[in-house]
Amino acid sequence: MQLLFRFGVVATLAVASASCGSVAKGQGPSFLVIDSLAGIRGNTTPGTPSTTLTSDVITNVTSPAPCSATAPCPTIFGDSGQAVMRAVMKDAGSANPSSASAINHITLERYHVKYIRSDVANPTQGVDVPYEFDGALRVTIQDAPTTFGFLLVRNQAKDEAPLIFLRSNPAIVSAIAQITFFGRDQNGNEISILGEITINFGNFGD
């Protein structure tokens, strides 16, 4: 049956819990803080944000026609990510050190996703883990928490090794997605931050 390829949809929902961890870098007077990092399982109706993503490599869709309960359509959905970030000032000597002014707000321009595995030393892309990739962003982070979505697992990854082999295999592949966000403050100072989230890949029940 022909596969139907659809992109995962980012849902702007409440955040469940804190991020797995983050490392900030930059020479500007402000820096980024990740309040939470979550994954959203792709489907016709996307799942709720979770700090551990359950990523289904193939989903049997029963609608619309010609898909039905008796003749479901195997479909690939990408999985989305959701981050909540804020900008914080480095200078503790100001009257309100945690509040960034407009010139210190940080505009994110792109991000990079890399997958690693704790059970495989030096995992090979396309063999042990999906290929890493870059994505574009355009969101400005202020001192108040800002929520935004991004693509965490591409549709293509589920149609390539190693994930494609999980369609007919009961095994589960656990990986850690390392997401590095890159941006600049309004003075042009480059700023980046790294966050991580656990992903369990498998052919789960629909």
C-alpha atoms as a PDB file:
ATOM      1  CA  MET A   1       0.000   0.000   0.000  1.00  0.00           C
ATOM      2  CA  GLN A   2       1.289   3.389  -0.920  1.00  0.00           C
ATOM      3  CA  LEU A   3       2.730   5.332   1.974  1.00  0.00           C
ATOM      4  CA  LEU A   4       1.236   8.696   2.757  1.00  0.00           C
ATOM      5  CA  PHE A   5       3.851  11.187   3.919  1.00  0.00           C
ATOM      6  CA  ARG A   6       2.699  13.926   6.212  1.00  0.00           C
ATOM      7  CA  PHE A   7       4.516  16.432   8.313  1.00  0.00           C
ATOM      8  CA  GLY A   8       3.994  16.444  12.057  1.00  0.00           C
ATOM      9  CA  VAL A   9       2.049  19.423  13.370  1.00  0.00           C
ATOM     10  CA  VAL A  10       3.375  21.458  16.265  1.00  0.00           C
ATOM     11  CA  ALA A  11       0.758  21.998  18.945  1.00  0.00           C
ATOM     12  CA  THR A  12       1.162  24.986  21.240  1.00  0.00           C
ATOM     13  CA  LEU A  13       0.308  23.335  24.528  1.00  0.00           C
ATOM     14  CA  ALA A  14       1.220  23.686  28.169  1.00  0.00           C
ATOM     15  CA  VAL A  15       4.638  22.383  29.117  1.00  0.00           C
ATOM     16  CA  ALA A  16       4.758  19.238  31.219  1.00  0.00           C
ATOM     17  CA  SER A  17       8.131  19.518  32.945  1.00  0.00           C
ATOM     18  CA  ALA A  18      11.689  20.850  32.817  1.00  0.00           C
ATOM     19  CA  SER A  19      14.208  20.208  30.074  1.00  0.00           C
ATOM     20  CA  CYS A  20      16.699  17.368  30.248  1.00  0.00           C
ATOM     21  CA  GLY A  21      19.600  19.819  30.375  1.00  0.00           C
ATOM     22  CA  SER A  22      21.089  22.802  28.593  1.00  0.00           C
ATOM     23  CA  VAL A  23      24.432  24.453  27.938  1.00  0.00           C
ATOM     24  CA  ALA A  24      24.508  28.123  26.895  1.00  0.00           C
ATOM     25  CA  LYS A  25      27.303  29.919  24.993  1.00  0.00           C
ATOM     26  CA  GLY A  26      27.766  33.479  23.792  1.00  0.00           C
ATOM     27  CA  GLN A  27      29.720  36.700  24.158  1.00  0.00           C
ATOM     28  CA  GLY A  28      26.752  39.047  24.491  1.00  0.00           C
ATOM     29  CA  PRO A  29      25.390  40.587  27.715  1.00  0.00           C
ATOM     30  CA  SER A  30      22.380  38.248  27.712  1.00  0.00           C
ATOM     31  CA  PHE A  31      22.102  34.471  27.451  1.00  0.00           C
ATOM     32  CA  LEU A  32      19.427  31.843  26.865  1.00  0.00           C
ATOM     33  CA  VAL A  33      17.769  29.611  29.445  1.00  0.00           C
ATOM     34  CA  ILE A  34      15.744  26.551  28.427  1.00  0.00           C
ATOM     35  CA  ASP A  35      12.857  26.223  30.861  1.00  0.00           C
ATOM     36  CA  SER A  36      11.582  23.061  29.190  1.00  0.00           C
ATOM     37  CA  LEU A  37      12.169  20.888  26.146  1.00  0.00           C
ATOM     38  CA  ALA A  38       9.532  18.412  25.002  1.00  0.00           C
ATOM     39  CA  GLY A  39       8.693  16.109  22.094  1.00  0.00           C
ATOM     40  CA  ILE A  40       5.318  15.743  20.368  1.00  0.00           C
ATOM     41  CA  ARG A  41       4.458  12.447  18.687  1.00  0.00           C
ATOM     42  CA  GLY A  42       3.348  12.938  15.101  1.00  0.00           C
ATOM     43  CA  ASN A  43      -0.102  11.730  14.061  1.00  0.00           C
ATOM     44  CA  THR A  44      -3.264  13.040  12.420  1.00  0.00           C
ATOM     45  CA  THR A  45      -3.880  14.548  15.855  1.00  0.00           C
ATOM     46  CA  PRO A  46      -0.463  15.271  17.403  1.00  0.00           C
ATOM     47  CA  GLY A  47       0.266  13.942  20.870  1.00  0.00           C
ATOM     48  CA  THR A  48       0.813  16.031  23.980  1.00  0.00           C
ATOM     49  CA  PRO A  49       4.293  17.380  24.794  1.00  0.00           C
ATOM     50  CA  SER A  50       6.447  14.969  26.783  1.00  0.00           C
ATOM     51  CA  THR A  51      10.012  15.142  28.080  1.00  0.00           C
ATOM     52  CA  THR A  52      10.498  11.601  26.678  1.00  0.00           C
ATOM     53  CA  LEU A  53       9.254  11.231  23.108  1.00  0.00           C
ATOM     54  CA  THR A  54       7.658   7.986  21.914  1.00  0.00           C
ATOM     55  CA  SER A  55       8.281   8.075  18.165  1.00  0.00           C
ATOM     56  CA  ASP A  56       6.218   5.704  16.014  1.00  0.00           C
ATOM     57  CA  VAL A  57       8.082   4.696  12.835  1.00  0.00           C
ATOM     58  CA  ILE A  58       4.856   3.808  10.994  1.00  0.00           C
ATOM     59  CA  THR A  59       1.251   4.730  11.801  1.00  0.00           C
ATOM     60  CA  ASN A  60      -1.853   3.014  10.416  1.00  0.00           C
ATOM     61  CA  VAL A  61      -4.308   5.759   9.463  1.00  0.00           C
ATOM     62  CA  THR A  62      -7.996   4.835   9.159  1.00  0.00           C
ATOM     63  CA  SER A  63      -9.285   8.065   7.588  1.00  0.00           C
ATOM     64  CA  PRO A  64      -9.956   9.812   5.271  1.00  0.00           C
ATOM     65  CA  ALA A  65     -10.964   7.484   2.439  1.00  0.00           C
ATOM     66  CA  PRO A  66      -9.629   5.334   0.926  1.00  0.00           C
ATOM     67  CA  CYS A  67      -8.111   4.597   4.362  1.00  0.00           C
ATOM     68  CA  SER A  68     -10.439   2.673   6.690  1.00  0.00           C
ATOM     69  CA  ALA A  69     -10.415   0.476   9.785  1.00  0.00           C
ATOM     70  CA  THR A  70     -10.370  -2.632   7.554  1.00  0.00           C
ATOM     71  CA  ALA A  71      -7.820  -1.184   5.110  1.00  0.00           C
ATOM     72  CA  PRO A  72      -5.612   1.252   7.050  1.00  0.00           C
ATOM     73  CA  CYS A  73      -2.978   3.317   5.287  1.00  0.00           C
ATOM     74  CA  PRO A  74       0.579   2.955   6.637  1.00  0.00           C
ATOM     75  CA  THR A  75       1.715   6.558   7.069  1.00  0.00           C
ATOM     76  CA  ILE A  76       4.923   8.293   8.131  1.00  0.00           C
ATOM     77  CA  PHE A  77       4.645  11.296  10.432  1.00  0.00           C
ATOM     78  CA  GLY A  78       7.493  13.495  11.533  1.00  0.00           C
ATOM     79  CA  ASP A  79       7.728  14.332  15.229  1.00  0.00           C
ATOM     80  CA  SER A  80       7.807  17.866  16.563  1.00  0.00           C
ATOM     81  CA  GLY A  81       9.669  19.466  19.414  1.00  0.00           C
ATOM     82  CA  GLN A  82       8.535  22.232  21.726  1.00  0.00           C
ATOM     83  CA  ALA A  83      10.852  24.532  23.655  1.00  0.00           C
ATOM     84  CA  VAL A  84      10.209  27.176  26.274  1.00  0.00           C
ATOM     85  CA  MET A  85      13.058  29.698  26.560  1.00  0.00           C
ATOM     86  CA  ARG A  86      13.818  33.088  28.089  1.00  0.00           C
ATOM     87  CA  ALA A  87      16.641  35.609  27.844  1.00  0.00           C
ATOM     88  CA  VAL A  88      18.515  36.512  31.028  1.00  0.00           C
ATOM     89  CA  MET A  89      21.109  39.215  31.626  1.00  0.00           C
ATOM     90  CA  LYS A  90      24.628  38.235  32.732  1.00  0.00           C
ATOM     91  CA  ASP A  91      25.244  41.479  34.622  1.00  0.00           C
ATOM     92  CA  ALA A  92      24.154  40.960  38.223  1.00  0.00           C
ATOM     93  CA  GLY A  93      24.927  44.586  39.086  1.00  0.00           C
ATOM     94  CA  SER A  94      21.970  46.153  37.305  1.00  0.00           C
ATOM     95  CA  ALA A  95      18.807  47.200  39.110  1.00  0.00           C
ATOM     96  CA  ASN A  96      16.866  44.338  37.542  1.00  0.00           C
ATOM     97  CA  PRO A  97      19.501  41.819  36.374  1.00  0.00           C
ATOM     98  CA  SER A  98      17.061  39.134  35.237  1.00  0.00           C
ATOM     99  CA  SER A  99      15.170  41.441  32.841  1.00  0.00           C
ATOM    100  CA  ALA A 100      16.573  41.829  29.317  1.00  0.00           C
ATOM    101  CA  SER A 101      15.903  45.063  27.425  1.00  0.00           C
ATOM    102  CA  ALA A 102      14.836  45.032  23.767  1.00  0.00           C
ATOM    103  CA  ILE A 103      18.410  45.316  22.487  1.00  0.00           C
ATOM    104  CA  ASN A 104      19.353  42.228  24.521  1.00  0.00           C
ATOM    105  CA  HIS A 105      16.525  40.071  23.203  1.00  0.00           C
ATOM    106  CA  ILE A 106      17.810  37.073  21.258  1.00  0.00           C
ATOM    107  CA  THR A 107      16.531  36.085  17.817  1.00  0.00           C
ATOM    108  CA  LEU A 108      16.971  32.393  17.001  1.00  0.00           C
ATOM    109  CA  GLU A 109      17.846  31.765  13.357  1.00  0.00           C
ATOM    110  CA  ARG A 110      18.482  28.029  13.070  1.00  0.00           C
ATOM    111  CA  TYR A 111      18.931  24.803  14.996  1.00  0.00           C
ATOM    112  CA  HIS A 112      20.844  21.537  14.635  1.00  0.00           C
ATOM    113  CA  VAL A 113      19.644  18.096  15.723  1.00  0.00           C
ATOM    114  CA  LYS A 114      22.088  15.262  16.380  1.00  0.00           C
ATOM    115  CA  TYR A 115      21.229  11.798  17.720  1.00  0.00           C
ATOM    116  CA  ILE A 116      23.434   9.771  20.051  1.00  0.00           C
ATOM    117  CA  ARG A 117      23.055   6.440  21.854  1.00  0.00           C
ATOM    118  CA  SER A 118      24.373   5.469  25.260  1.00  0.00           C
ATOM    119  CA  ASP A 119      24.515   1.777  24.265  1.00  0.00           C
ATOM    120  CA  VAL A 120      26.639   2.370  21.145  1.00  0.00           C
ATOM    121  CA  ALA A 121      30.074   3.995  21.272  1.00  0.00           C
ATOM    122  CA  ASN A 122      30.554   6.448  18.398  1.00  0.00           C
ATOM    123  CA  PRO A 123      27.259   5.594  16.649  1.00  0.00           C
ATOM    124  CA  THR A 124      27.248   5.749  12.852  1.00  0.00           C
ATOM    125  CA  GLN A 125      24.616   7.922  11.202  1.00  0.00           C
ATOM    126  CA  GLY A 126      22.310   5.950   8.945  1.00  0.00           C
ATOM    127  CA  VAL A 127      23.307   2.724  10.735  1.00  0.00           C
ATOM    128  CA  ASP A 128      22.882   3.184  14.486  1.00  0.00           C
ATOM    129  CA  VAL A 129      21.039   6.507  14.561  1.00  0.00           C
ATOM    130  CA  PRO A 130      19.220   8.769  12.083  1.00  0.00           C
ATOM    131  CA  TYR A 131      21.182  11.409  10.205  1.00  0.00           C
ATOM    132  CA  GLU A 132      21.659  14.754  11.914  1.00  0.00           C
ATOM    133  CA  PHE A 133      20.104  17.791  10.249  1.00  0.00           C
ATOM    134  CA  ASP A 134      19.662  21.565  10.378  1.00  0.00           C
ATOM    135  CA  GLY A 135      16.448  23.535  10.519  1.00  0.00           C
ATOM    136  CA  ALA A 136      15.505  27.188  10.157  1.00  0.00           C
ATOM    137  CA  LEU A 137      13.937  29.303  12.902  1.00  0.00           C
ATOM    138  CA  ARG A 138      12.761  32.872  13.294  1.00  0.00           C
ATOM    139  CA  VAL A 139      11.674  33.525  16.849  1.00  0.00           C
ATOM    140  CA  THR A 140      12.758  36.274  19.251  1.00  0.00           C
ATOM    141  CA  ILE A 141      13.295  35.294  22.876  1.00  0.00           C
ATOM    142  CA  GLN A 142      12.572  37.932  25.502  1.00  0.00           C
ATOM    143  CA  ASP A 143      12.823  37.917  29.297  1.00  0.00           C
ATOM    144  CA  ALA A 144       9.341  36.384  29.603  1.00  0.00           C
ATOM    145  CA  PRO A 145       9.140  32.661  28.709  1.00  0.00           C
ATOM    146  CA  THR A 146       8.615  32.142  24.976  1.00  0.00           C
ATOM    147  CA  THR A 147       7.150  28.889  23.601  1.00  0.00           C
ATOM    148  CA  PHE A 148       7.924  27.739  20.059  1.00  0.00           C
ATOM    149  CA  GLY A 149       7.940  24.569  17.997  1.00  0.00           C
ATOM    150  CA  PHE A 150      10.479  22.913  15.697  1.00  0.00           C
ATOM    151  CA  LEU A 151      10.974  19.653  13.814  1.00  0.00           C
ATOM    152  CA  LEU A 152      12.611  17.024  16.021  1.00  0.00           C
ATOM    153  CA  VAL A 153      12.398  13.857  13.853  1.00  0.00           C
ATOM    154  CA  ARG A 154      12.124  14.225  10.074  1.00  0.00           C
ATOM    155  CA  ASN A 155       9.755  12.127   7.964  1.00  0.00           C
ATOM    156  CA  GLN A 156      12.758  10.992   5.911  1.00  0.00           C
ATOM    157  CA  ALA A 157      14.446   9.492   8.973  1.00  0.00           C
ATOM    158  CA  LYS A 158      11.655   6.948   9.344  1.00  0.00           C
ATOM    159  CA  ASP A 159      12.100   5.847   5.738  1.00  0.00           C
ATOM    160  CA  GLU A 160      15.856   5.281   6.154  1.00  0.00           C
ATOM    161  CA  ALA A 161      18.095   3.008   8.223  1.00  0.00           C
ATOM    162  CA  PRO A 162      18.035   2.298  11.088  1.00  0.00           C
ATOM    163  CA  LEU A 163      14.411   3.304  11.730  1.00  0.00           C
ATOM    164  CA  ILE A 164      12.927   1.677   8.613  1.00  0.00           C
ATOM    165  CA  PHE A 165      13.890  -1.759   9.949  1.00  0.00           C
ATOM    166  CA  LEU A 166      11.776  -1.201  13.075  1.00  0.00           C
ATOM    167  CA  ARG A 167       8.576  -1.440  11.016  1.00  0.00           C
ATOM    168  CA  SER A 168       8.787  -5.252  11.028  1.00  0.00           C
ATOM    169  CA  ASN A 169      10.911  -5.637  14.149  1.00  0.00           C
ATOM    170  CA  PRO A 170       9.599  -5.473  17.744  1.00  0.00           C
ATOM    171  CA  ALA A 171      12.843  -3.871  18.943  1.00  0.00           C
ATOM    172  CA  ILE A 172      12.957  -0.351  20.364  1.00  0.00           C
ATOM    173  CA  VAL A 173      15.861   2.009  19.693  1.00  0.00           C
ATOM    174  CA  SER A 174      16.487   4.556  22.439  1.00  0.00           C
ATOM    175  CA  ALA A 175      18.458   7.662  21.517  1.00  0.00           C
ATOM    176  CA  ILE A 176      19.182  11.097  22.875  1.00  0.00           C
ATOM    177  CA  ALA A 177      18.499  14.042  20.597  1.00  0.00           C
ATOM    178  CA  GLN A 178      20.935  16.900  21.120  1.00  0.00           C
ATOM    179  CA  ILE A 179      19.398  20.145  19.858  1.00  0.00           C
ATOM    180  CA  THR A 180      21.602  23.199  19.499  1.00  0.00           C
ATOM    181  CA  PHE A 181      19.809  26.504  18.916  1.00  0.00           C
ATOM    182  CA  PHE A 182      21.744  29.354  17.264  1.00  0.00           C
ATOM    183  CA  GLY A 183      20.872  33.038  17.301  1.00  0.00           C
ATOM    184  CA  ARG A 184      21.995  36.623  17.853  1.00  0.00           C
ATOM    185  CA  ASP A 185      21.025  39.430  20.162  1.00  0.00           C
ATOM    186  CA  GLN A 186      19.966  42.738  18.612  1.00  0.00           C
ATOM    187  CA  ASN A 187      23.602  43.924  18.706  1.00  0.00           C
ATOM    188  CA  GLY A 188      24.661  40.992  16.534  1.00  0.00           C
ATOM    189  CA  ASN A 189      26.380  38.962  19.256  1.00  0.00           C
ATOM    190  CA  GLU A 190      26.201  35.247  18.449  1.00  0.00           C
ATOM    191  CA  ILE A 191      24.527  33.094  21.086  1.00  0.00           C
ATOM    192  CA  SER A 192      23.770  29.373  21.226  1.00  0.00           C
ATOM    193  CA  ILE A 193      22.333  26.849  23.648  1.00  0.00           C
ATOM    194  CA  LEU A 194      22.258  23.039  23.726  1.00  0.00           C
ATOM    195  CA  GLY A 195      19.365  20.977  25.067  1.00  0.00           C
ATOM    196  CA  GLU A 196      18.711  17.222  25.092  1.00  0.00           C
ATOM    197  CA  ILE A 197      15.675  14.958  25.025  1.00  0.00           C
ATOM    198  CA  THR A 198      15.269  11.168  25.080  1.00  0.00           C
ATOM    199  CA  ILE A 199      13.485   9.494  22.145  1.00  0.00           C
ATOM    200  CA  ASN A 200      12.249   5.887  21.999  1.00  0.00           C
ATOM    201  CA  PHE A 201      11.792   4.747  18.386  1.00  0.00           C
ATOM    202  CA  GLY A 202       9.653   1.727  17.552  1.00  0.00           C
ATOM    203  CA  ASN A 203       6.545   0.367  15.818  1.00  0.00           C
ATOM    204  CA  PHE A 204       4.049   1.104  18.556  1.00  0.00           C
ATOM    205  CA  GLY A 205       0.348   0.269  18.608  1.00  0.00           C
ATOM    206  CA  ASP A 206      -1.913   2.764  16.807  1.00  0.00           C
END
